[in-house]
Amino acid sequence: METLRKQFDYHIWRIGAYADHILSLPPEVFDKPVMGSFDTLGKLVLHLEGAERYIYCVATETPMNGLNKPVGTDAHTVARHWKTMAPRWQAFIENLTLADLQKEVGVPRKDGTVPTSLHNALIQAIDHATYHLGQLPYTLRQLNQPQQKISTYFAYIFTPHGH
């Protein structure tokens, strides 16, 4: 349980660090074409934020009720909203028990809802973000933009960040 909490705390820290970095970029870079899974930085940011919101709703069993719709198309607006996910996750994770992690949650899909454990949903949040956050430096290099300073796990554990 403690290991998952620490991993999730790192996940939350990364969201804030990357959102702050994205907010520091000039707005004109978000729609420039790039090579990769997403053809613009703006689409990558939109996907990261939307997926984070989706997995949060699954984990917390919060009805989607429009939460699965984009919060905007302007990457700065999306990044600001993405950053608001950190305290939401923090409040949720703080009170989890081992029994909670084994609880079944439903993952809405096009072909119906698929059951999984809360533990699996939380691992998906971390894994998905890790994959796409790894795309950000490559995308930023293509745009000749500064990269996020350091967001590795060592940076997290060796840097004071309020935890």
N, C-alpha and C. Protein backbone atom coordinates (compact mmCIF):
# COMPACT_ATOMS: atom_id res chain seq x y z
N MET A 1 0.83 -1.20 0.00
CA MET A 1 0.00 0.00 0.00
C MET A 1 0.87 1.25 0.00
N GLU A 2 1.89 1.23 0.84
CA GLU A 2 2.76 2.41 0.94
C GLU A 2 3.51 2.66 -0.38
N THR A 3 3.90 1.59 -1.07
CA THR A 3 4.59 1.74 -2.35
C THR A 3 3.68 2.41 -3.37
N LEU A 4 2.43 1.97 -3.44
CA LEU A 4 1.49 2.58 -4.38
C LEU A 4 1.26 4.05 -4.04
N ARG A 5 1.13 4.35 -2.74
CA ARG A 5 0.95 5.75 -2.34
C ARG A 5 2.14 6.60 -2.80
N LYS A 6 3.35 6.08 -2.61
CA LYS A 6 4.55 6.81 -3.01
C LYS A 6 4.59 6.99 -4.54
N GLN A 7 4.24 5.95 -5.27
CA GLN A 7 4.21 6.05 -6.73
C GLN A 7 3.18 7.09 -7.17
N PHE A 8 2.05 7.08 -6.50
CA PHE A 8 1.01 8.03 -6.88
C PHE A 8 1.37 9.45 -6.48
N ASP A 9 2.05 9.60 -5.36
CA ASP A 9 2.51 10.92 -4.97
C ASP A 9 3.47 11.47 -6.03
N TYR A 10 4.34 10.61 -6.53
CA TYR A 10 5.24 10.99 -7.62
C TYR A 10 4.44 11.36 -8.86
N HIS A 11 3.43 10.56 -9.18
CA HIS A 11 2.56 10.84 -10.32
C HIS A 11 1.93 12.23 -10.20
N ILE A 12 1.43 12.54 -9.02
CA ILE A 12 0.80 13.84 -8.76
C ILE A 12 1.83 14.96 -8.91
N TRP A 13 3.02 14.75 -8.38
CA TRP A 13 4.09 15.75 -8.50
C TRP A 13 4.43 16.01 -9.97
N ARG A 14 4.51 14.92 -10.77
CA ARG A 14 4.82 15.07 -12.20
C ARG A 14 3.75 15.87 -12.92
N ILE A 15 2.49 15.62 -12.61
CA ILE A 15 1.40 16.36 -13.25
C ILE A 15 1.63 17.86 -13.04
N GLY A 16 1.89 18.24 -11.79
CA GLY A 16 2.11 19.66 -11.49
C GLY A 16 3.33 20.22 -12.20
N ALA A 17 4.42 19.45 -12.21
CA ALA A 17 5.66 19.93 -12.84
C ALA A 17 5.47 20.11 -14.35
N TYR A 18 4.86 19.15 -14.99
CA TYR A 18 4.66 19.25 -16.44
C TYR A 18 3.63 20.31 -16.79
N ALA A 19 2.56 20.41 -16.02
CA ALA A 19 1.55 21.44 -16.29
C ALA A 19 2.18 22.82 -16.16
N ASP A 20 2.98 23.04 -15.12
CA ASP A 20 3.66 24.34 -14.97
C ASP A 20 4.56 24.62 -16.16
N HIS A 21 5.27 23.62 -16.62
CA HIS A 21 6.17 23.81 -17.76
C HIS A 21 5.37 24.15 -19.03
N ILE A 22 4.30 23.42 -19.27
CA ILE A 22 3.47 23.68 -20.44
C ILE A 22 2.90 25.09 -20.39
N LEU A 23 2.49 25.52 -19.20
CA LEU A 23 1.95 26.87 -19.06
C LEU A 23 2.99 27.96 -19.32
N SER A 24 4.27 27.61 -19.23
CA SER A 24 5.32 28.60 -19.48
C SER A 24 5.65 28.75 -20.97
N LEU A 25 5.11 27.87 -21.80
CA LEU A 25 5.42 27.90 -23.23
C LEU A 25 4.57 28.93 -23.97
N PRO A 26 5.09 29.48 -25.05
CA PRO A 26 4.30 30.45 -25.83
C PRO A 26 3.12 29.75 -26.51
N PRO A 27 1.97 30.37 -26.54
CA PRO A 27 0.76 29.74 -27.10
C PRO A 27 0.91 29.28 -28.55
N GLU A 28 1.72 29.96 -29.32
CA GLU A 28 1.81 29.62 -30.75
C GLU A 28 2.44 28.26 -31.03
N VAL A 29 3.14 27.65 -30.06
CA VAL A 29 3.78 26.36 -30.32
C VAL A 29 2.80 25.19 -30.27
N PHE A 30 1.63 25.38 -29.68
CA PHE A 30 0.73 24.26 -29.45
C PHE A 30 0.08 23.72 -30.72
N ASP A 31 -0.01 24.52 -31.77
CA ASP A 31 -0.65 24.07 -33.00
C ASP A 31 0.33 23.79 -34.13
N LYS A 32 1.62 23.92 -33.86
CA LYS A 32 2.62 23.63 -34.89
C LYS A 32 2.72 22.12 -35.09
N PRO A 33 2.85 21.66 -36.34
CA PRO A 33 2.93 20.22 -36.58
C PRO A 33 4.23 19.61 -36.04
N VAL A 34 4.09 18.39 -35.52
CA VAL A 34 5.24 17.61 -35.03
C VAL A 34 5.06 16.17 -35.46
N MET A 35 6.13 15.39 -35.36
CA MET A 35 6.07 13.95 -35.62
C MET A 35 5.81 13.25 -34.29
N GLY A 36 5.05 12.19 -34.33
CA GLY A 36 4.81 11.42 -33.12
C GLY A 36 3.40 10.90 -33.05
N SER A 37 3.00 10.41 -31.90
CA SER A 37 1.65 9.86 -31.73
C SER A 37 0.58 10.92 -31.95
N PHE A 38 0.88 12.15 -31.62
CA PHE A 38 -0.03 13.27 -31.82
C PHE A 38 0.65 14.26 -32.74
N ASP A 39 -0.13 14.87 -33.64
CA ASP A 39 0.51 15.72 -34.64
C ASP A 39 0.73 17.16 -34.18
N THR A 40 0.31 17.49 -32.95
CA THR A 40 0.63 18.79 -32.36
C THR A 40 0.83 18.60 -30.85
N LEU A 41 1.55 19.51 -30.25
CA LEU A 41 1.72 19.51 -28.80
C LEU A 41 0.38 19.71 -28.12
N GLY A 42 -0.46 20.57 -28.68
CA GLY A 42 -1.77 20.83 -28.10
C GLY A 42 -2.62 19.57 -27.99
N LYS A 43 -2.57 18.71 -29.01
CA LYS A 43 -3.34 17.46 -28.97
C LYS A 43 -2.79 16.50 -27.92
N LEU A 44 -1.48 16.49 -27.75
CA LEU A 44 -0.87 15.65 -26.72
C LEU A 44 -1.32 16.11 -25.33
N VAL A 45 -1.29 17.42 -25.10
CA VAL A 45 -1.72 17.97 -23.80
C VAL A 45 -3.20 17.67 -23.57
N LEU A 46 -4.01 17.84 -24.60
CA LEU A 46 -5.45 17.57 -24.49
C LEU A 46 -5.69 16.10 -24.13
N HIS A 47 -4.94 15.21 -24.75
CA HIS A 47 -5.07 13.78 -24.46
C HIS A 47 -4.64 13.46 -23.02
N LEU A 48 -3.51 14.00 -22.59
CA LEU A 48 -3.03 13.74 -21.23
C LEU A 48 -4.07 14.17 -20.19
N GLU A 49 -4.59 15.36 -20.34
CA GLU A 49 -5.55 15.89 -19.38
C GLU A 49 -6.85 15.08 -19.42
N GLY A 50 -7.33 14.79 -20.62
CA GLY A 50 -8.58 14.04 -20.75
C GLY A 50 -8.48 12.64 -20.19
N ALA A 51 -7.37 11.97 -20.45
CA ALA A 51 -7.17 10.61 -19.93
C ALA A 51 -7.06 10.63 -18.41
N GLU A 52 -6.40 11.63 -17.88
CA GLU A 52 -6.27 11.76 -16.42
C GLU A 52 -7.65 11.91 -15.79
N ARG A 53 -8.49 12.74 -16.39
CA ARG A 53 -9.84 12.96 -15.89
C ARG A 53 -10.67 11.68 -15.99
N TYR A 54 -10.54 10.98 -17.11
CA TYR A 54 -11.28 9.73 -17.33
C TYR A 54 -10.91 8.70 -16.26
N ILE A 55 -9.61 8.49 -16.06
CA ILE A 55 -9.17 7.47 -15.09
C ILE A 55 -9.56 7.90 -13.66
N TYR A 56 -9.53 9.19 -13.39
CA TYR A 56 -9.97 9.68 -12.07
C TYR A 56 -11.44 9.32 -11.84
N CYS A 57 -12.27 9.54 -12.86
CA CYS A 57 -13.69 9.20 -12.73
C CYS A 57 -13.89 7.71 -12.51
N VAL A 58 -13.12 6.89 -13.21
CA VAL A 58 -13.20 5.44 -13.02
C VAL A 58 -12.80 5.09 -11.59
N ALA A 59 -11.67 5.58 -11.14
CA ALA A 59 -11.14 5.23 -9.82
C ALA A 59 -12.04 5.69 -8.69
N THR A 60 -12.59 6.89 -8.82
CA THR A 60 -13.41 7.45 -7.75
C THR A 60 -14.89 7.12 -7.92
N GLU A 61 -15.19 6.40 -8.99
CA GLU A 61 -16.58 6.05 -9.32
C GLU A 61 -17.45 7.30 -9.44
N THR A 62 -16.86 8.32 -10.02
CA THR A 62 -17.58 9.57 -10.28
C THR A 62 -18.25 9.46 -11.64
N PRO A 63 -19.54 9.71 -11.72
CA PRO A 63 -20.19 9.65 -13.03
C PRO A 63 -19.52 10.62 -14.01
N MET A 64 -19.39 10.19 -15.23
CA MET A 64 -18.74 11.03 -16.24
C MET A 64 -19.49 12.35 -16.44
N ASN A 65 -20.80 12.29 -16.58
CA ASN A 65 -21.63 13.50 -16.71
C ASN A 65 -20.91 14.69 -17.33
N GLY A 66 -20.37 14.50 -18.49
CA GLY A 66 -19.69 15.59 -19.17
C GLY A 66 -18.21 15.68 -18.85
N LEU A 67 -17.75 14.95 -17.83
CA LEU A 67 -16.33 15.00 -17.49
C LEU A 67 -15.47 14.35 -18.57
N ASN A 68 -16.10 13.57 -19.44
CA ASN A 68 -15.34 12.96 -20.52
C ASN A 68 -15.26 13.87 -21.75
N LYS A 69 -15.81 15.06 -21.64
CA LYS A 69 -15.73 16.03 -22.72
C LYS A 69 -14.53 16.94 -22.48
N PRO A 70 -13.86 17.39 -23.54
CA PRO A 70 -12.70 18.28 -23.36
C PRO A 70 -13.05 19.53 -22.57
N VAL A 71 -12.12 19.98 -21.73
CA VAL A 71 -12.33 21.19 -20.94
C VAL A 71 -12.06 22.43 -21.77
N GLY A 72 -11.59 22.24 -22.97
CA GLY A 72 -11.29 23.34 -23.89
C GLY A 72 -10.36 22.86 -24.97
N THR A 73 -10.05 23.74 -25.87
CA THR A 73 -9.11 23.38 -26.94
C THR A 73 -7.82 24.19 -26.82
N ASP A 74 -7.85 25.24 -26.05
CA ASP A 74 -6.66 26.06 -25.81
C ASP A 74 -5.77 25.28 -24.83
N ALA A 75 -4.54 24.98 -25.25
CA ALA A 75 -3.66 24.14 -24.44
C ALA A 75 -3.36 24.75 -23.07
N HIS A 76 -3.32 26.07 -22.97
CA HIS A 76 -3.09 26.67 -21.65
C HIS A 76 -4.27 26.40 -20.72
N THR A 77 -5.48 26.52 -21.23
CA THR A 77 -6.68 26.23 -20.42
C THR A 77 -6.66 24.77 -19.99
N VAL A 78 -6.33 23.88 -20.93
CA VAL A 78 -6.29 22.45 -20.64
C VAL A 78 -5.21 22.15 -19.59
N ALA A 79 -4.03 22.74 -19.73
CA ALA A 79 -2.95 22.51 -18.77
C ALA A 79 -3.33 23.02 -17.38
N ARG A 80 -4.00 24.16 -17.32
CA ARG A 80 -4.45 24.67 -16.01
C ARG A 80 -5.42 23.69 -15.36
N HIS A 81 -6.34 23.15 -16.17
CA HIS A 81 -7.30 22.18 -15.63
C HIS A 81 -6.59 20.89 -15.23
N TRP A 82 -5.63 20.46 -16.05
CA TRP A 82 -4.86 19.24 -15.76
C TRP A 82 -4.20 19.36 -14.39
N LYS A 83 -3.67 20.54 -14.11
CA LYS A 83 -2.99 20.77 -12.83
C LYS A 83 -3.98 20.63 -11.65
N THR A 84 -5.25 20.92 -11.87
CA THR A 84 -6.24 20.78 -10.79
C THR A 84 -6.49 19.32 -10.43
N MET A 85 -6.04 18.40 -11.27
CA MET A 85 -6.22 16.98 -10.96
C MET A 85 -5.34 16.55 -9.79
N ALA A 86 -4.20 17.20 -9.61
CA ALA A 86 -3.26 16.80 -8.56
C ALA A 86 -3.90 16.81 -7.17
N PRO A 87 -4.50 17.92 -6.73
CA PRO A 87 -5.10 17.89 -5.39
C PRO A 87 -6.30 16.94 -5.28
N ARG A 88 -7.01 16.74 -6.39
CA ARG A 88 -8.12 15.79 -6.36
C ARG A 88 -7.61 14.38 -6.10
N TRP A 89 -6.55 14.01 -6.85
CA TRP A 89 -5.95 12.69 -6.63
C TRP A 89 -5.41 12.58 -5.20
N GLN A 90 -4.74 13.62 -4.74
CA GLN A 90 -4.13 13.58 -3.41
C GLN A 90 -5.19 13.31 -2.35
N ALA A 91 -6.30 14.01 -2.41
CA ALA A 91 -7.37 13.82 -1.43
C ALA A 91 -7.93 12.40 -1.50
N PHE A 92 -8.03 11.85 -2.71
CA PHE A 92 -8.57 10.51 -2.87
C PHE A 92 -7.60 9.45 -2.33
N ILE A 93 -6.34 9.56 -2.67
CA ILE A 93 -5.33 8.56 -2.33
C ILE A 93 -5.06 8.51 -0.82
N GLU A 94 -5.09 9.67 -0.16
CA GLU A 94 -4.74 9.75 1.26
C GLU A 94 -5.51 8.77 2.14
N ASN A 95 -6.77 8.53 1.82
CA ASN A 95 -7.61 7.74 2.72
C ASN A 95 -7.84 6.30 2.25
N LEU A 96 -7.14 5.86 1.21
CA LEU A 96 -7.34 4.51 0.72
C LEU A 96 -6.79 3.46 1.68
N THR A 97 -7.48 2.33 1.72
CA THR A 97 -7.02 1.18 2.49
C THR A 97 -6.71 0.04 1.52
N LEU A 98 -6.10 -1.01 2.03
CA LEU A 98 -5.84 -2.20 1.20
C LEU A 98 -7.15 -2.78 0.68
N ALA A 99 -8.17 -2.77 1.50
CA ALA A 99 -9.47 -3.29 1.07
C ALA A 99 -10.02 -2.46 -0.09
N ASP A 100 -9.82 -1.14 -0.03
CA ASP A 100 -10.29 -0.27 -1.12
C ASP A 100 -9.64 -0.65 -2.44
N LEU A 101 -8.35 -0.98 -2.40
CA LEU A 101 -7.62 -1.30 -3.63
C LEU A 101 -8.16 -2.55 -4.31
N GLN A 102 -8.73 -3.44 -3.54
CA GLN A 102 -9.26 -4.69 -4.10
C GLN A 102 -10.69 -4.52 -4.62
N LYS A 103 -11.30 -3.39 -4.30
CA LYS A 103 -12.68 -3.13 -4.72
C LYS A 103 -12.77 -3.10 -6.24
N GLU A 104 -13.87 -3.57 -6.77
CA GLU A 104 -14.08 -3.57 -8.22
C GLU A 104 -14.65 -2.23 -8.66
N VAL A 105 -14.09 -1.70 -9.75
CA VAL A 105 -14.61 -0.49 -10.38
C VAL A 105 -14.90 -0.82 -11.85
N GLY A 106 -15.78 -0.05 -12.45
CA GLY A 106 -16.13 -0.30 -13.84
C GLY A 106 -15.43 0.67 -14.78
N VAL A 107 -14.88 0.13 -15.84
CA VAL A 107 -14.20 0.94 -16.85
C VAL A 107 -15.13 1.07 -18.06
N PRO A 108 -15.72 2.26 -18.27
CA PRO A 108 -16.62 2.42 -19.43
C PRO A 108 -15.84 2.34 -20.74
N ARG A 109 -16.35 1.52 -21.63
CA ARG A 109 -15.75 1.38 -22.96
C ARG A 109 -16.87 1.45 -23.98
N LYS A 110 -16.50 1.55 -25.24
CA LYS A 110 -17.51 1.62 -26.30
C LYS A 110 -18.40 0.38 -26.31
N ASP A 111 -17.85 -0.77 -25.95
CA ASP A 111 -18.60 -2.02 -25.99
C ASP A 111 -19.19 -2.41 -24.63
N GLY A 112 -19.27 -1.46 -23.71
CA GLY A 112 -19.83 -1.73 -22.39
C GLY A 112 -18.84 -1.45 -21.28
N THR A 113 -19.22 -1.73 -20.06
CA THR A 113 -18.36 -1.49 -18.90
C THR A 113 -17.61 -2.78 -18.55
N VAL A 114 -16.30 -2.64 -18.35
CA VAL A 114 -15.45 -3.78 -18.01
C VAL A 114 -15.01 -3.62 -16.55
N PRO A 115 -15.18 -4.66 -15.73
CA PRO A 115 -14.77 -4.56 -14.33
C PRO A 115 -13.26 -4.76 -14.17
N THR A 116 -12.70 -4.04 -13.21
CA THR A 116 -11.30 -4.23 -12.80
C THR A 116 -11.18 -3.78 -11.36
N SER A 117 -10.03 -3.98 -10.77
CA SER A 117 -9.84 -3.52 -9.39
C SER A 117 -9.42 -2.05 -9.38
N LEU A 118 -9.67 -1.40 -8.26
CA LEU A 118 -9.22 -0.02 -8.10
C LEU A 118 -7.70 0.04 -8.24
N HIS A 119 -7.00 -0.95 -7.71
CA HIS A 119 -5.55 -1.01 -7.84
C HIS A 119 -5.13 -0.95 -9.30
N ASN A 120 -5.78 -1.74 -10.15
CA ASN A 120 -5.46 -1.73 -11.58
C ASN A 120 -5.74 -0.37 -12.22
N ALA A 121 -6.82 0.27 -11.82
CA ALA A 121 -7.14 1.60 -12.37
C ALA A 121 -6.06 2.61 -12.00
N LEU A 122 -5.56 2.54 -10.77
CA LEU A 122 -4.51 3.48 -10.34
C LEU A 122 -3.20 3.21 -11.07
N ILE A 123 -2.87 1.93 -11.27
CA ILE A 123 -1.67 1.59 -12.03
C ILE A 123 -1.81 2.11 -13.46
N GLN A 124 -3.00 2.00 -14.04
CA GLN A 124 -3.23 2.51 -15.39
C GLN A 124 -2.98 4.02 -15.46
N ALA A 125 -3.43 4.75 -14.46
CA ALA A 125 -3.21 6.20 -14.44
C ALA A 125 -1.71 6.51 -14.48
N ILE A 126 -0.95 5.83 -13.65
CA ILE A 126 0.50 6.05 -13.59
C ILE A 126 1.16 5.64 -14.90
N ASP A 127 0.82 4.46 -15.39
CA ASP A 127 1.44 3.92 -16.60
C ASP A 127 1.12 4.77 -17.83
N HIS A 128 -0.13 5.15 -17.97
CA HIS A 128 -0.53 5.95 -19.12
C HIS A 128 0.20 7.30 -19.13
N ALA A 129 0.23 7.95 -17.98
CA ALA A 129 0.92 9.24 -17.91
C ALA A 129 2.41 9.09 -18.19
N THR A 130 3.01 8.03 -17.68
CA THR A 130 4.44 7.80 -17.91
C THR A 130 4.72 7.69 -19.41
N TYR A 131 3.89 6.95 -20.10
CA TYR A 131 4.08 6.77 -21.55
C TYR A 131 4.03 8.12 -22.28
N HIS A 132 2.98 8.88 -22.04
CA HIS A 132 2.81 10.13 -22.78
C HIS A 132 3.70 11.26 -22.28
N LEU A 133 4.01 11.28 -21.00
CA LEU A 133 4.95 12.30 -20.51
C LEU A 133 6.33 12.08 -21.12
N GLY A 134 6.63 10.83 -21.43
CA GLY A 134 7.88 10.53 -22.13
C GLY A 134 7.92 11.08 -23.55
N GLN A 135 6.75 11.34 -24.13
CA GLN A 135 6.68 11.92 -25.47
C GLN A 135 6.91 13.43 -25.46
N LEU A 136 6.67 14.06 -24.32
CA LEU A 136 6.79 15.52 -24.26
C LEU A 136 8.19 16.04 -24.61
N PRO A 137 9.26 15.49 -24.04
CA PRO A 137 10.59 16.02 -24.40
C PRO A 137 10.88 15.93 -25.90
N TYR A 138 10.51 14.81 -26.51
CA TYR A 138 10.70 14.63 -27.96
C TYR A 138 9.91 15.69 -28.73
N THR A 139 8.68 15.91 -28.33
CA THR A 139 7.83 16.90 -28.99
C THR A 139 8.39 18.30 -28.81
N LEU A 140 8.83 18.63 -27.60
CA LEU A 140 9.38 19.96 -27.33
C LEU A 140 10.67 20.21 -28.11
N ARG A 141 11.50 19.17 -28.24
CA ARG A 141 12.73 19.31 -29.05
C ARG A 141 12.39 19.66 -30.49
N GLN A 142 11.36 19.02 -31.04
CA GLN A 142 10.96 19.30 -32.41
C GLN A 142 10.52 20.76 -32.58
N LEU A 143 9.99 21.32 -31.52
CA LEU A 143 9.48 22.70 -31.56
C LEU A 143 10.53 23.71 -31.11
N ASN A 144 11.76 23.24 -30.86
CA ASN A 144 12.84 24.11 -30.37
C ASN A 144 12.43 24.85 -29.10
N GLN A 145 11.74 24.13 -28.22
CA GLN A 145 11.28 24.71 -26.95
C GLN A 145 12.06 24.07 -25.81
N PRO A 146 12.22 24.79 -24.71
CA PRO A 146 12.92 24.20 -23.56
C PRO A 146 12.15 23.01 -23.02
N GLN A 147 12.88 22.05 -22.53
CA GLN A 147 12.25 20.87 -21.96
C GLN A 147 12.06 21.05 -20.46
N GLN A 148 11.15 20.25 -19.92
CA GLN A 148 10.95 20.22 -18.47
C GLN A 148 12.29 19.92 -17.84
N LYS A 149 12.68 20.67 -16.83
CA LYS A 149 14.00 20.49 -16.23
C LYS A 149 14.25 19.03 -15.89
N ILE A 150 13.76 18.56 -14.79
CA ILE A 150 13.95 17.16 -14.43
C ILE A 150 12.67 16.67 -13.77
N SER A 151 12.16 15.57 -14.26
CA SER A 151 10.94 15.02 -13.65
C SER A 151 11.09 13.53 -13.37
N THR A 152 12.32 13.09 -13.23
CA THR A 152 12.56 11.68 -12.93
C THR A 152 12.21 11.38 -11.47
N TYR A 153 12.14 10.11 -11.16
CA TYR A 153 11.82 9.72 -9.80
C TYR A 153 12.89 10.20 -8.82
N PHE A 154 14.15 10.16 -9.24
CA PHE A 154 15.22 10.68 -8.37
C PHE A 154 15.03 12.17 -8.10
N ALA A 155 14.64 12.92 -9.11
CA ALA A 155 14.38 14.35 -8.88
C ALA A 155 13.27 14.52 -7.84
N TYR A 156 12.27 13.68 -7.93
CA TYR A 156 11.16 13.74 -6.98
C TYR A 156 11.63 13.43 -5.55
N ILE A 157 12.39 12.35 -5.37
CA ILE A 157 12.75 11.97 -4.00
C ILE A 157 13.86 12.82 -3.40
N PHE A 158 14.68 13.45 -4.24
CA PHE A 158 15.81 14.25 -3.73
C PHE A 158 15.54 15.74 -3.70
N THR A 159 14.36 16.16 -4.14
CA THR A 159 14.02 17.57 -4.20
C THR A 159 12.89 17.86 -3.21
N PRO A 160 13.05 18.88 -2.37
CA PRO A 160 11.94 19.22 -1.49
C PRO A 160 10.74 19.71 -2.34
N HIS A 161 9.60 19.15 -2.10
CA HIS A 161 8.41 19.55 -2.86
C HIS A 161 7.15 19.52 -2.03
N GLY A 162 7.30 19.69 -0.76
CA GLY A 162 6.14 19.83 0.11
C GLY A 162 5.50 18.52 0.55
N HIS A 163 6.18 17.37 0.33
CA HIS A 163 5.59 16.10 0.76
C HIS A 163 6.50 15.45 1.78
